[in-house]
Full PDB file with SEQRES, HELIX, SHEET, SSBOND, CRYST1, ORIGX, SCALE, CONECT and MASTER records, all heavy atoms in Angstrom:
SEQRES   1 A   41  ASP TYR THR THR GLU VAL ILE GLN SER LEU GLY ASP PRO          
SEQRES   2 A   41  GLY VAL PHE VAL HIS GLY ILE SER ILE LYS PRO GLY LYS          
SEQRES   3 A   41  PRO THR ILE LEU ALA VAL ALA ASP GLY LYS PRO VAL ILE          
SEQRES   4 A   41  GLY LEU                                                      
HELIX    1 AA1 THR A    3  LEU A   10  1                                   8    
SHEET    1 AA1 3 PRO A  13  HIS A  18  0                                        
SHEET    2 AA1 3 ILE A  29  ALA A  33 -1                                        
SHEET    3 AA1 3 LYS A  36  GLY A  40 -1                                        
CRYST1    1.000    1.000    1.000  90.00  90.00  90.00 P 1           1          
ORIGX1      1.000000  0.000000  0.000000        0.00000                         
ORIGX2      0.000000  1.000000  0.000000        0.00000                         
ORIGX3      0.000000  0.000000  1.000000        0.00000                         
SCALE1      1.000000  0.000000  0.000000        0.00000                         
SCALE2      0.000000  1.000000  0.000000        0.00000                         
SCALE3      0.000000  0.000000  1.000000        0.00000                         
ATOM      1  N   ASP A   1     -26.380 -10.892   8.835  1.00  0.00           N  
ATOM      2  CA  ASP A   1     -25.509 -10.541   7.703  1.00  0.00           C  
ATOM      3  C   ASP A   1     -24.311 -11.478   7.675  1.00  0.00           C  
ATOM      4  O   ASP A   1     -23.379 -11.351   8.461  1.00  0.00           O  
ATOM      5  CB  ASP A   1     -25.039  -9.086   7.847  1.00  0.00           C  
ATOM      6  CG  ASP A   1     -23.986  -8.719   6.812  1.00  0.00           C  
ATOM      7  OD1 ASP A   1     -23.895  -9.432   5.796  1.00  0.00           O  
ATOM      8  OD2 ASP A   1     -23.277  -7.730   7.017  1.00  0.00           O  
ATOM      9  N   TYR A   2     -24.379 -12.454   6.762  1.00  0.00           N  
ATOM     10  CA  TYR A   2     -23.276 -13.395   6.621  1.00  0.00           C  
ATOM     11  C   TYR A   2     -22.429 -13.094   5.386  1.00  0.00           C  
ATOM     12  O   TYR A   2     -21.406 -13.749   5.176  1.00  0.00           O  
ATOM     13  CB  TYR A   2     -23.825 -14.825   6.476  1.00  0.00           C  
ATOM     14  CG  TYR A   2     -24.657 -15.294   7.640  1.00  0.00           C  
ATOM     15  CD1 TYR A   2     -25.920 -15.846   7.418  1.00  0.00           C  
ATOM     16  CD2 TYR A   2     -24.185 -15.189   8.945  1.00  0.00           C  
ATOM     17  CE1 TYR A   2     -26.694 -16.293   8.475  1.00  0.00           C  
ATOM     18  CE2 TYR A   2     -24.962 -15.637  10.010  1.00  0.00           C  
ATOM     19  CZ  TYR A   2     -26.217 -16.182   9.776  1.00  0.00           C  
ATOM     20  OH  TYR A   2     -26.977 -16.624  10.823  1.00  0.00           O  
ATOM     21  N   THR A   3     -22.872 -12.156   4.561  1.00  0.00           N  
ATOM     22  CA  THR A   3     -22.234 -11.954   3.261  1.00  0.00           C  
ATOM     23  C   THR A   3     -20.748 -11.651   3.381  1.00  0.00           C  
ATOM     24  O   THR A   3     -19.920 -12.244   2.679  1.00  0.00           O  
ATOM     25  CB  THR A   3     -22.932 -10.816   2.481  1.00  0.00           C  
ATOM     26  OG1 THR A   3     -24.330 -11.108   2.413  1.00  0.00           O  
ATOM     27  CG2 THR A   3     -22.360 -10.698   1.076  1.00  0.00           C  
ATOM     28  N   THR A   4     -20.397 -10.714   4.253  1.00  0.00           N  
ATOM     29  CA  THR A   4     -18.994 -10.338   4.389  1.00  0.00           C  
ATOM     30  C   THR A   4     -18.152 -11.528   4.837  1.00  0.00           C  
ATOM     31  O   THR A   4     -17.062 -11.771   4.306  1.00  0.00           O  
ATOM     32  CB  THR A   4     -18.839  -9.170   5.377  1.00  0.00           C  
ATOM     33  OG1 THR A   4     -19.672  -8.093   4.965  1.00  0.00           O  
ATOM     34  CG2 THR A   4     -17.394  -8.699   5.422  1.00  0.00           C  
ATOM     35  N   GLU A   5     -18.658 -12.281   5.806  1.00  0.00           N  
ATOM     36  CA  GLU A   5     -17.914 -13.445   6.292  1.00  0.00           C  
ATOM     37  C   GLU A   5     -17.742 -14.489   5.190  1.00  0.00           C  
ATOM     38  O   GLU A   5     -16.663 -15.071   5.028  1.00  0.00           O  
ATOM     39  CB  GLU A   5     -18.641 -14.070   7.479  1.00  0.00           C  
ATOM     40  CG  GLU A   5     -18.710 -13.190   8.715  1.00  0.00           C  
ATOM     41  CD  GLU A   5     -19.507 -13.858   9.827  1.00  0.00           C  
ATOM     42  OE1 GLU A   5     -19.237 -15.045  10.116  1.00  0.00           O  
ATOM     43  OE2 GLU A   5     -20.414 -13.216  10.374  1.00  0.00           O  
ATOM     44  N   VAL A   6     -18.806 -14.712   4.438  1.00  0.00           N  
ATOM     45  CA  VAL A   6     -18.739 -15.690   3.358  1.00  0.00           C  
ATOM     46  C   VAL A   6     -17.721 -15.266   2.313  1.00  0.00           C  
ATOM     47  O   VAL A   6     -16.896 -16.067   1.851  1.00  0.00           O  
ATOM     48  CB  VAL A   6     -20.133 -15.878   2.716  1.00  0.00           C  
ATOM     49  CG1 VAL A   6     -20.013 -16.664   1.408  1.00  0.00           C  
ATOM     50  CG2 VAL A   6     -21.064 -16.599   3.684  1.00  0.00           C  
ATOM     51  N   ILE A   7     -17.753 -13.996   1.938  1.00  0.00           N  
ATOM     52  CA  ILE A   7     -16.817 -13.488   0.934  1.00  0.00           C  
ATOM     53  C   ILE A   7     -15.379 -13.611   1.434  1.00  0.00           C  
ATOM     54  O   ILE A   7     -14.481 -14.053   0.699  1.00  0.00           O  
ATOM     55  CB  ILE A   7     -17.139 -12.025   0.576  1.00  0.00           C  
ATOM     56  CG1 ILE A   7     -18.467 -11.962  -0.191  1.00  0.00           C  
ATOM     57  CG2 ILE A   7     -16.016 -11.403  -0.255  1.00  0.00           C  
ATOM     58  CD1 ILE A   7     -18.947 -10.547  -0.473  1.00  0.00           C  
ATOM     59  N   GLN A   8     -15.150 -13.254   2.696  1.00  0.00           N  
ATOM     60  CA  GLN A   8     -13.807 -13.342   3.264  1.00  0.00           C  
ATOM     61  C   GLN A   8     -13.308 -14.784   3.264  1.00  0.00           C  
ATOM     62  O   GLN A   8     -12.108 -15.040   3.129  1.00  0.00           O  
ATOM     63  CB  GLN A   8     -13.800 -12.785   4.685  1.00  0.00           C  
ATOM     64  CG  GLN A   8     -13.964 -11.267   4.786  1.00  0.00           C  
ATOM     65  CD  GLN A   8     -12.809 -10.504   4.179  1.00  0.00           C  
ATOM     66  OE1 GLN A   8     -12.990  -9.705   3.266  1.00  0.00           O  
ATOM     67  NE2 GLN A   8     -11.599 -10.746   4.664  1.00  0.00           N  
ATOM     68  N   SER A   9     -14.244 -15.742   3.379  1.00  0.00           N  
ATOM     69  CA  SER A   9     -13.840 -17.149   3.436  1.00  0.00           C  
ATOM     70  C   SER A   9     -13.436 -17.699   2.070  1.00  0.00           C  
ATOM     71  O   SER A   9     -12.822 -18.762   1.991  1.00  0.00           O  
ATOM     72  CB  SER A   9     -14.994 -18.000   3.987  1.00  0.00           C  
ATOM     73  OG  SER A   9     -16.043 -18.122   3.030  1.00  0.00           O  
ATOM     74  N   LEU A  10     -13.764 -16.956   0.985  1.00  0.00           N  
ATOM     75  CA  LEU A  10     -13.476 -17.462  -0.356  1.00  0.00           C  
ATOM     76  C   LEU A  10     -12.008 -17.323  -0.747  1.00  0.00           C  
ATOM     77  O   LEU A  10     -11.513 -18.058  -1.596  1.00  0.00           O  
ATOM     78  CB  LEU A  10     -14.355 -16.734  -1.381  1.00  0.00           C  
ATOM     79  CG  LEU A  10     -15.859 -17.008  -1.283  1.00  0.00           C  
ATOM     80  CD1 LEU A  10     -16.630 -16.113  -2.249  1.00  0.00           C  
ATOM     81  CD2 LEU A  10     -16.162 -18.476  -1.552  1.00  0.00           C  
ATOM     82  N   GLY A  11     -11.313 -16.359  -0.159  1.00  0.00           N  
ATOM     83  CA  GLY A  11      -9.900 -16.182  -0.492  1.00  0.00           C  
ATOM     84  C   GLY A  11      -9.419 -14.773  -0.218  1.00  0.00           C  
ATOM     85  O   GLY A  11     -10.209 -13.861   0.060  1.00  0.00           O  
ATOM     86  N   ASP A  12      -8.128 -14.588  -0.310  1.00  0.00           N  
ATOM     87  CA  ASP A  12      -7.503 -13.284  -0.039  1.00  0.00           C  
ATOM     88  C   ASP A  12      -7.372 -12.474  -1.329  1.00  0.00           C  
ATOM     89  O   ASP A  12      -7.353 -13.056  -2.423  1.00  0.00           O  
ATOM     90  CB  ASP A  12      -6.113 -13.504   0.577  1.00  0.00           C  
ATOM     91  CG  ASP A  12      -6.200 -14.142   1.956  1.00  0.00           C  
ATOM     92  OD1 ASP A  12      -7.201 -13.857   2.659  1.00  0.00           O  
ATOM     93  OD2 ASP A  12      -5.297 -14.923   2.308  1.00  0.00           O  
ATOM     94  N   PRO A  13      -7.279 -11.165  -1.268  1.00  0.00           N  
ATOM     95  CA  PRO A  13      -7.224 -10.320  -0.072  1.00  0.00           C  
ATOM     96  C   PRO A  13      -8.582 -10.006   0.539  1.00  0.00           C  
ATOM     97  O   PRO A  13      -8.658  -9.459   1.637  1.00  0.00           O  
ATOM     98  CB  PRO A  13      -6.584  -9.033  -0.609  1.00  0.00           C  
ATOM     99  CG  PRO A  13      -7.016  -8.962  -2.034  1.00  0.00           C  
ATOM    100  CD  PRO A  13      -7.045 -10.378  -2.512  1.00  0.00           C  
ATOM    101  N   GLY A  14      -9.677 -10.326  -0.158  1.00  0.00           N  
ATOM    102  CA  GLY A  14     -11.001 -10.139   0.423  1.00  0.00           C  
ATOM    103  C   GLY A  14     -11.614  -8.784   0.103  1.00  0.00           C  
ATOM    104  O   GLY A  14     -11.335  -8.178  -0.937  1.00  0.00           O  
ATOM    105  N   VAL A  15     -12.433  -8.309   1.023  1.00  0.00           N  
ATOM    106  CA  VAL A  15     -13.230  -7.094   0.804  1.00  0.00           C  
ATOM    107  C   VAL A  15     -12.338  -5.862   0.710  1.00  0.00           C  
ATOM    108  O   VAL A  15     -11.449  -5.656   1.541  1.00  0.00           O  
ATOM    109  CB  VAL A  15     -14.254  -6.922   1.938  1.00  0.00           C  
ATOM    110  CG1 VAL A  15     -14.983  -5.575   1.815  1.00  0.00           C  
ATOM    111  CG2 VAL A  15     -15.258  -8.069   1.936  1.00  0.00           C  
ATOM    112  N   PHE A  16     -12.557  -5.046  -0.332  1.00  0.00           N  
ATOM    113  CA  PHE A  16     -11.856  -3.760  -0.411  1.00  0.00           C  
ATOM    114  C   PHE A  16     -12.825  -2.577  -0.425  1.00  0.00           C  
ATOM    115  O   PHE A  16     -12.400  -1.434  -0.295  1.00  0.00           O  
ATOM    116  CB  PHE A  16     -10.906  -3.708  -1.621  1.00  0.00           C  
ATOM    117  CG  PHE A  16     -11.558  -3.854  -2.973  1.00  0.00           C  
ATOM    118  CD1 PHE A  16     -12.095  -2.744  -3.621  1.00  0.00           C  
ATOM    119  CD2 PHE A  16     -11.598  -5.081  -3.612  1.00  0.00           C  
ATOM    120  CE1 PHE A  16     -12.666  -2.864  -4.878  1.00  0.00           C  
ATOM    121  CE2 PHE A  16     -12.170  -5.213  -4.869  1.00  0.00           C  
ATOM    122  CZ  PHE A  16     -12.709  -4.101  -5.515  1.00  0.00           C  
ATOM    123  N   VAL A  17     -14.104  -2.836  -0.591  1.00  0.00           N  
ATOM    124  CA  VAL A  17     -15.135  -1.793  -0.447  1.00  0.00           C  
ATOM    125  C   VAL A  17     -16.308  -2.408   0.297  1.00  0.00           C  
ATOM    126  O   VAL A  17     -16.846  -3.438  -0.107  1.00  0.00           O  
ATOM    127  CB  VAL A  17     -15.626  -1.262  -1.812  1.00  0.00           C  
ATOM    128  CG1 VAL A  17     -16.847  -0.353  -1.624  1.00  0.00           C  
ATOM    129  CG2 VAL A  17     -14.529  -0.509  -2.531  1.00  0.00           C  
ATOM    130  N   HIS A  18     -16.698  -1.779   1.404  1.00  0.00           N  
ATOM    131  CA  HIS A  18     -17.905  -2.188   2.129  1.00  0.00           C  
ATOM    132  C   HIS A  18     -18.687  -0.922   2.429  1.00  0.00           C  
ATOM    133  O   HIS A  18     -18.578  -0.345   3.494  1.00  0.00           O  
ATOM    134  CB  HIS A  18     -17.560  -2.943   3.407  1.00  0.00           C  
ATOM    135  CG  HIS A  18     -18.762  -3.616   4.013  1.00  0.00           C  
ATOM    136  ND1 HIS A  18     -18.698  -4.390   5.138  1.00  0.00           N  
ATOM    137  CD2 HIS A  18     -20.062  -3.639   3.634  1.00  0.00           C  
ATOM    138  CE1 HIS A  18     -19.897  -4.848   5.435  1.00  0.00           C  
ATOM    139  NE2 HIS A  18     -20.742  -4.391   4.533  1.00  0.00           N  
ATOM    140  N   GLY A  19     -19.448  -0.514   1.426  1.00  0.00           N  
ATOM    141  CA  GLY A  19     -20.225   0.710   1.542  1.00  0.00           C  
ATOM    142  C   GLY A  19     -19.717   1.776   0.590  1.00  0.00           C  
ATOM    143  O   GLY A  19     -18.523   2.045   0.520  1.00  0.00           O  
ATOM    144  N   ILE A  20     -20.646   2.346  -0.179  1.00  0.00           N  
ATOM    145  CA  ILE A  20     -20.320   3.415  -1.121  1.00  0.00           C  
ATOM    146  C   ILE A  20     -21.229   4.603  -0.834  1.00  0.00           C  
ATOM    147  O   ILE A  20     -22.425   4.436  -0.582  1.00  0.00           O  
ATOM    148  CB  ILE A  20     -20.533   2.948  -2.585  1.00  0.00           C  
ATOM    149  CG1 ILE A  20     -19.702   1.695  -2.862  1.00  0.00           C  
ATOM    150  CG2 ILE A  20     -20.154   4.060  -3.567  1.00  0.00           C  
ATOM    151  CD1 ILE A  20     -19.990   1.062  -4.219  1.00  0.00           C  
ATOM    152  N   SER A  21     -20.664   5.788  -0.856  1.00  0.00           N  
ATOM    153  CA  SER A  21     -21.453   6.991  -0.559  1.00  0.00           C  
ATOM    154  C   SER A  21     -22.309   7.349  -1.769  1.00  0.00           C  
ATOM    155  O   SER A  21     -22.004   8.276  -2.528  1.00  0.00           O  
ATOM    156  CB  SER A  21     -20.544   8.163  -0.184  1.00  0.00           C  
ATOM    157  OG  SER A  21     -19.580   8.398  -1.190  1.00  0.00           O  
ATOM    158  N   ILE A  22     -23.364   6.560  -1.948  1.00  0.00           N  
ATOM    159  CA  ILE A  22     -24.263   6.729  -3.082  1.00  0.00           C  
ATOM    160  C   ILE A  22     -25.667   6.387  -2.620  1.00  0.00           C  
ATOM    161  O   ILE A  22     -25.864   5.578  -1.709  1.00  0.00           O  
ATOM    162  CB  ILE A  22     -23.828   5.804  -4.247  1.00  0.00           C  
ATOM    163  CG1 ILE A  22     -24.646   6.068  -5.501  1.00  0.00           C  
ATOM    164  CG2 ILE A  22     -23.926   4.352  -3.846  1.00  0.00           C  
ATOM    165  CD1 ILE A  22     -24.160   5.288  -6.717  1.00  0.00           C  
ATOM    166  N   LYS A  23     -26.658   7.031  -3.206  1.00  0.00           N  
ATOM    167  CA  LYS A  23     -28.050   6.743  -2.891  1.00  0.00           C  
ATOM    168  C   LYS A  23     -28.813   6.605  -4.196  1.00  0.00           C  
ATOM    169  O   LYS A  23     -28.778   7.520  -5.022  1.00  0.00           O  
ATOM    170  CB  LYS A  23     -28.645   7.854  -2.042  1.00  0.00           C  
ATOM    171  CG  LYS A  23     -30.087   7.585  -1.614  1.00  0.00           C  
ATOM    172  CD  LYS A  23     -30.631   8.728  -0.766  1.00  0.00           C  
ATOM    173  CE  LYS A  23     -32.070   8.434  -0.341  1.00  0.00           C  
ATOM    174  NZ  LYS A  23     -32.628   9.537   0.480  1.00  0.00           N  
ATOM    175  N   PRO A  24     -29.470   5.452  -4.434  1.00  0.00           N  
ATOM    176  CA  PRO A  24     -29.531   4.291  -3.547  1.00  0.00           C  
ATOM    177  C   PRO A  24     -28.320   3.385  -3.728  1.00  0.00           C  
ATOM    178  O   PRO A  24     -27.636   3.481  -4.730  1.00  0.00           O  
ATOM    179  CB  PRO A  24     -30.798   3.581  -4.028  1.00  0.00           C  
ATOM    180  CG  PRO A  24     -30.842   3.882  -5.498  1.00  0.00           C  
ATOM    181  CD  PRO A  24     -30.301   5.275  -5.641  1.00  0.00           C  
ATOM    182  N   GLY A  25     -28.071   2.530  -2.747  1.00  0.00           N  
ATOM    183  CA  GLY A  25     -27.043   1.517  -2.921  1.00  0.00           C  
ATOM    184  C   GLY A  25     -25.873   1.566  -1.976  1.00  0.00           C  
ATOM    185  O   GLY A  25     -24.857   0.921  -2.215  1.00  0.00           O  
ATOM    186  N   LYS A  26     -25.992   2.288  -0.845  1.00  0.00           N  
ATOM    187  CA  LYS A  26     -24.849   2.408   0.059  1.00  0.00           C  
ATOM    188  C   LYS A  26     -24.287   1.058   0.522  1.00  0.00           C  
ATOM    189  O   LYS A  26     -23.067   0.865   0.502  1.00  0.00           O  
ATOM    190  CB  LYS A  26     -25.229   3.267   1.268  1.00  0.00           C  
ATOM    191  CG  LYS A  26     -24.078   3.489   2.228  1.00  0.00           C  
ATOM    192  CD  LYS A  26     -24.494   4.386   3.379  1.00  0.00           C  
ATOM    193  CE  LYS A  26     -23.342   4.588   4.361  1.00  0.00           C  
ATOM    194  NZ  LYS A  26     -23.724   5.461   5.487  1.00  0.00           N  
ATOM    195  N   PRO A  27     -25.147   0.107   0.957  1.00  0.00           N  
ATOM    196  CA  PRO A  27     -24.582  -1.162   1.466  1.00  0.00           C  
ATOM    197  C   PRO A  27     -24.140  -2.094   0.351  1.00  0.00           C  
ATOM    198  O   PRO A  27     -24.783  -3.110   0.061  1.00  0.00           O  
ATOM    199  CB  PRO A  27     -25.748  -1.745   2.270  1.00  0.00           C  
ATOM    200  CG  PRO A  27     -26.958  -1.235   1.576  1.00  0.00           C  
ATOM    201  CD  PRO A  27     -26.612   0.143   1.089  1.00  0.00           C  
ATOM    202  N   THR A  28     -23.031  -1.780  -0.269  1.00  0.00           N  
ATOM    203  CA  THR A  28     -22.484  -2.560  -1.382  1.00  0.00           C  
ATOM    204  C   THR A  28     -21.118  -3.106  -0.993  1.00  0.00           C  
ATOM    205  O   THR A  28     -20.326  -2.404  -0.366  1.00  0.00           O  
ATOM    206  CB  THR A  28     -22.358  -1.685  -2.637  1.00  0.00           C  
ATOM    207  OG1 THR A  28     -23.660  -1.220  -3.014  1.00  0.00           O  
ATOM    208  CG2 THR A  28     -21.729  -2.446  -3.788  1.00  0.00           C  
ATOM    209  N   ILE A  29     -20.856  -4.343  -1.385  1.00  0.00           N  
ATOM    210  CA  ILE A  29     -19.566  -4.967  -1.078  1.00  0.00           C  
ATOM    211  C   ILE A  29     -18.845  -5.304  -2.377  1.00  0.00           C  
ATOM    212  O   ILE A  29     -19.437  -5.858  -3.304  1.00  0.00           O  
ATOM    213  CB  ILE A  29     -19.756  -6.263  -0.254  1.00  0.00           C  
ATOM    214  CG1 ILE A  29     -20.454  -5.959   1.072  1.00  0.00           C  
ATOM    215  CG2 ILE A  29     -18.406  -6.941   0.000  1.00  0.00           C  
ATOM    216  CD1 ILE A  29     -20.828  -7.205   1.848  1.00  0.00           C  
ATOM    217  N   LEU A  30     -17.573  -4.977  -2.448  1.00  0.00           N  
ATOM    218  CA  LEU A  30     -16.715  -5.380  -3.554  1.00  0.00           C  
ATOM    219  C   LEU A  30     -15.492  -6.060  -2.974  1.00  0.00           C  
ATOM    220  O   LEU A  30     -14.911  -5.574  -1.994  1.00  0.00           O  
ATOM    221  CB  LEU A  30     -16.304  -4.178  -4.394  1.00  0.00           C  
ATOM    222  CG  LEU A  30     -17.436  -3.429  -5.114  1.00  0.00           C  
ATOM    223  CD1 LEU A  30     -16.896  -2.162  -5.778  1.00  0.00           C  
ATOM    224  CD2 LEU A  30     -18.116  -4.315  -6.132  1.00  0.00           C  
ATOM    225  N   ALA A  31     -15.103  -7.167  -3.584  1.00  0.00           N  
ATOM    226  CA  ALA A  31     -13.973  -7.926  -3.045  1.00  0.00           C  
ATOM    227  C   ALA A  31     -13.240  -8.644  -4.170  1.00  0.00           C  
ATOM    228  O   ALA A  31     -13.755  -8.784  -5.282  1.00  0.00           O  
ATOM    229  CB  ALA A  31     -14.467  -8.942  -2.011  1.00  0.00           C  
ATOM    230  N   VAL A  32     -12.033  -9.093  -3.858  1.00  0.00           N  
ATOM    231  CA  VAL A  32     -11.282  -9.980  -4.741  1.00  0.00           C  
ATOM    232  C   VAL A  32     -10.840 -11.170  -3.899  1.00  0.00           C  
ATOM    233  O   VAL A  32     -10.200 -11.005  -2.860  1.00  0.00           O  
ATOM    234  CB  VAL A  32     -10.057  -9.279  -5.358  1.00  0.00           C  
ATOM    235  CG1 VAL A  32      -9.212 -10.293  -6.117  1.00  0.00           C  
ATOM    236  CG2 VAL A  32     -10.489  -8.162  -6.285  1.00  0.00           C  
ATOM    237  N   ALA A  33     -11.227 -12.370  -4.349  1.00  0.00           N  
ATOM    238  CA  ALA A  33     -10.862 -13.586  -3.632  1.00  0.00           C  
ATOM    239  C   ALA A  33      -9.991 -14.447  -4.534  1.00  0.00           C  
ATOM    240  O   ALA A  33     -10.480 -15.009  -5.516  1.00  0.00           O  
ATOM    241  CB  ALA A  33     -12.121 -14.340  -3.209  1.00  0.00           C  
ATOM    242  N   ASP A  34      -8.710 -14.503  -4.207  1.00  0.00           N  
ATOM    243  CA  ASP A  34      -7.755 -15.274  -5.021  1.00  0.00           C  
ATOM    244  C   ASP A  34      -7.856 -14.929  -6.507  1.00  0.00           C  
ATOM    245  O   ASP A  34      -7.874 -15.810  -7.378  1.00  0.00           O  
ATOM    246  CB  ASP A  34      -7.968 -16.782  -4.813  1.00  0.00           C  
ATOM    247  CG  ASP A  34      -7.555 -17.223  -3.417  1.00  0.00           C  
ATOM    248  OD1 ASP A  34      -6.751 -16.508  -2.787  1.00  0.00           O  
ATOM    249  OD2 ASP A  34      -8.042 -18.271  -2.958  1.00  0.00           O  
ATOM    250  N   GLY A  35      -7.934 -13.643  -6.795  1.00  0.00           N  
ATOM    251  CA  GLY A  35      -7.936 -13.156  -8.172  1.00  0.00           C  
ATOM    252  C   GLY A  35      -9.305 -13.002  -8.799  1.00  0.00           C  
ATOM    253  O   GLY A  35      -9.427 -12.385  -9.860  1.00  0.00           O  
ATOM    254  N   LYS A  36     -10.350 -13.559  -8.173  1.00  0.00           N  
ATOM    255  CA  LYS A  36     -11.699 -13.440  -8.726  1.00  0.00           C  
ATOM    256  C   LYS A  36     -12.484 -12.350  -8.008  1.00  0.00           C  
ATOM    257  O   LYS A  36     -12.524 -12.327  -6.769  1.00  0.00           O  
ATOM    258  CB  LYS A  36     -12.460 -14.761  -8.590  1.00  0.00           C  
ATOM    259  CG  LYS A  36     -11.986 -15.881  -9.481  1.00  0.00           C  
ATOM    260  CD  LYS A  36     -12.908 -17.079  -9.337  1.00  0.00           C  
ATOM    261  CE  LYS A  36     -12.419 -18.261 -10.178  1.00  0.00           C  
ATOM    262  NZ  LYS A  36     -13.327 -19.425 -10.051  1.00  0.00           N  
ATOM    263  N   PRO A  37     -13.145 -11.462  -8.759  1.00  0.00           N  
ATOM    264  CA  PRO A  37     -13.963 -10.452  -8.106  1.00  0.00           C  
ATOM    265  C   PRO A  37     -15.260 -11.041  -7.566  1.00  0.00           C  
ATOM    266  O   PRO A  37     -15.828 -11.971  -8.134  1.00  0.00           O  
ATOM    267  CB  PRO A  37     -14.248  -9.438  -9.223  1.00  0.00           C  
ATOM    268  CG  PRO A  37     -14.054 -10.176 -10.483  1.00  0.00           C  
ATOM    269  CD  PRO A  37     -13.059 -11.265 -10.209  1.00  0.00           C  
ATOM    270  N   VAL A  38     -15.706 -10.479  -6.452  1.00  0.00           N  
ATOM    271  CA  VAL A  38     -16.977 -10.850  -5.836  1.00  0.00           C  
ATOM    272  C   VAL A  38     -17.748  -9.560  -5.571  1.00  0.00           C  
ATOM    273  O   VAL A  38     -17.193  -8.593  -5.046  1.00  0.00           O  
ATOM    274  CB  VAL A  38     -16.773 -11.623  -4.521  1.00  0.00           C  
ATOM    275  CG1 VAL A  38     -18.125 -12.050  -3.943  1.00  0.00           C  
ATOM    276  CG2 VAL A  38     -15.877 -12.834  -4.731  1.00  0.00           C  
ATOM    277  N   ILE A  39     -19.020  -9.550  -5.956  1.00  0.00           N  
ATOM    278  CA  ILE A  39     -19.854  -8.359  -5.802  1.00  0.00           C  
ATOM    279  C   ILE A  39     -21.014  -8.694  -4.887  1.00  0.00           C  
ATOM    280  O   ILE A  39     -21.783  -9.631  -5.144  1.00  0.00           O  
ATOM    281  CB  ILE A  39     -20.401  -7.882  -7.161  1.00  0.00           C  
ATOM    282  CG1 ILE A  39     -19.255  -7.611  -8.139  1.00  0.00           C  
ATOM    283  CG2 ILE A  39     -21.272  -6.646  -6.993  1.00  0.00           C  
ATOM    284  CD1 ILE A  39     -19.721  -7.330  -9.563  1.00  0.00           C  
ATOM    285  N   GLY A  40     -21.163  -7.945  -3.794  1.00  0.00           N  
ATOM    286  CA  GLY A  40     -22.286  -8.100  -2.887  1.00  0.00           C  
ATOM    287  C   GLY A  40     -23.251  -6.946  -3.089  1.00  0.00           C  
ATOM    288  O   GLY A  40     -22.943  -5.804  -2.738  1.00  0.00           O  
ATOM    289  N   LEU A  41     -24.400  -7.233  -3.691  1.00  0.00           N  
ATOM    290  CA  LEU A  41     -25.380  -6.192  -4.007  1.00  0.00           C  
ATOM    291  C   LEU A  41     -26.371  -6.012  -2.867  1.00  0.00           C  
ATOM    292  O   LEU A  41     -26.708  -6.980  -2.162  1.00  0.00           O  
ATOM    293  CB  LEU A  41     -26.153  -6.563  -5.272  1.00  0.00           C  
ATOM    294  CG  LEU A  41     -25.361  -6.692  -6.568  1.00  0.00           C  
ATOM    295  CD1 LEU A  41     -26.267  -7.191  -7.685  1.00  0.00           C  
ATOM    296  CD2 LEU A  41     -24.732  -5.356  -6.954  1.00  0.00           C  
TER     297      LEU A  41                                                      
MASTER        0    0    0    1    3    0    0    6  296    1    0    4          
END                                                                             
């Protein structure tokens, strides 16, 4: 799993959601890197 590391490397503040209590789809990543949103599906 490199996704989180890659997203963190794009800019700050980085990941603000890593996992959502939902089925299906718990392993979901949401982040903001230097103002741009990043979605890890």
